[in-house]
Each structure stands twice: as C-alpha cells, then as structure tokens.
Amino acid sequence: MAIKITWLAHSAFALEIDGHSILIDPFVTGNPLAPYPVDDLYPEYILVSHGHGDHVGDTVDIVARTGAATISNVEISGWLRHHGVKNAHGQNTGGCADYGFMTVKFTQAFHSSSLPDGSYGGMPNGFIITGGGYRLYFAGDTALFGDMALIGDEGIDLAFLPIGDYFTMGVDDAVRAVTLIRPRLVLPMHYNTFPPIQQQAGIWANRVSSETDAQPIVLDPGQSYSLQPGA
C-alpha cells in the first residue's frame, strides 16, 4: 500500500494510489511551470475542485483522449457532460463516495467558482481522499476558515495547502491552517505560477517546521514524493 504524489505546478497533482492513477485540477496547457506535456498524462480519474480555468484546465481534452472518469460537484459535472464527458460523478459538499481503491469526501472551500464560459460552477470544494492506507486533504483554492479543525479531526496524513496569497490563503494563514488541521505532512501549492502569487516556499516551510508539529514537503514541478508503509 502506497501513494506517489507528483506536483505538476500550480494546484495540479498526479497521484498513484495502489497502482491507480488520479489527476487533481489538471491545469497543464497554459501553465508556464508545467513540467511535461498534457499528452503524457493517462489518469483513471480526474478530480476538479472548482470551475476556474486554472483548475478545470485540460480535463475535457484528457477525458476525450483517455476515457477517464471525473469527480467534481454537481454543477461542474453537468458542464463536463455537456462537453462530452460521459462518466462524470457529481458529488457535493459533505458527501463521500467509494471508488473502490479510494474514497473521496467533499469539504467546503471559501473561494468563488465560475466555469471557463462564465456559467455557474457551484460551490468550490476541497477533498479528503482516503486510499493506499493514508488520508490526504486537498484544500483547493480557499481562505483560512476555523472549521479546518474539524477536517483535522479526520486524522490527516498529508495536507495540500495554497500559499500564494492574493487569490487564496497566503503564507501566514497557511501556517495557521496547519495548526488547525494538524497533519503529519504538509505540501504547498497554488504559488509562483503568475506574478500576483509569487512566494518563497522555503520561508513558509521554515515557519511550518518552527511553529507547528507538521513536516513540510516542498516539491519542484515534476518532482515526486512517496508515502510508504511506516512513513
């Protein structure tokens, strides 16, 4: 049982959970930091946290090429079906579903959400993904909120948190989020892609190490981290 996590820059991640491939928020085309072409990605599932173009990203094109299933909220799933996605799972905030090798529970996120054509994208979400013997919390684009402490009560092994500021939490609030969520490991995202969200991840990591009990993991685009039994 294991999970391999590869950062594709911005909030895009490739996960391998016990041999199954998942993409989260696959913004590759137009992502100046993307480490390799979108045609290199062959997921079984794609999770989309909210409707903004830098999160829906290449979902429709990837599904057309690979036949991947999608997991998102009801509104985004309907939009994806309208754009040719046949296997779109439309969950909603607070709901959990079992996909065999993983469960996905939707959490709230404090942000906005509209789809690339301007249509309504529903409520933005985060995800609690349980599989491979671990529990991951992908916060999505969000501000700090106090109920992150309730998410922490789920027993989070690794949290993915935005640190870019301007559109989401910045460094200060992301450190505070760690104290609420109480993960063993924490990984930054949604930074350095564009000028408004430039951050020094090393400064954030040093603060996480000195101010919380979590271990920070800072990846370069294309770099991977593996959770193994006993890790």
Foldseek 3Di string as FASTA:
>chain_A
DKKKWAFQAFLWIWIAFVNAIEIFQPAAVVQPQGPDDPVVDAHQEYEFQAADCSRCHCVLVNCVVHVHEYEYAPQVQVVSVVSPNDHYHHDDAQDWDDPPQKIKHWHAAAAAHAHPVRHHTPGGTWIFIDGNNFTETERPAHEADQCLLVQLVVAHAEYEEEAQPPRGHHLVSVLVSCQSNVYQEYEYHRADRDVSRHDDVVVSQVCNVVPHNHHYDYDRRRDMDMDDVVD
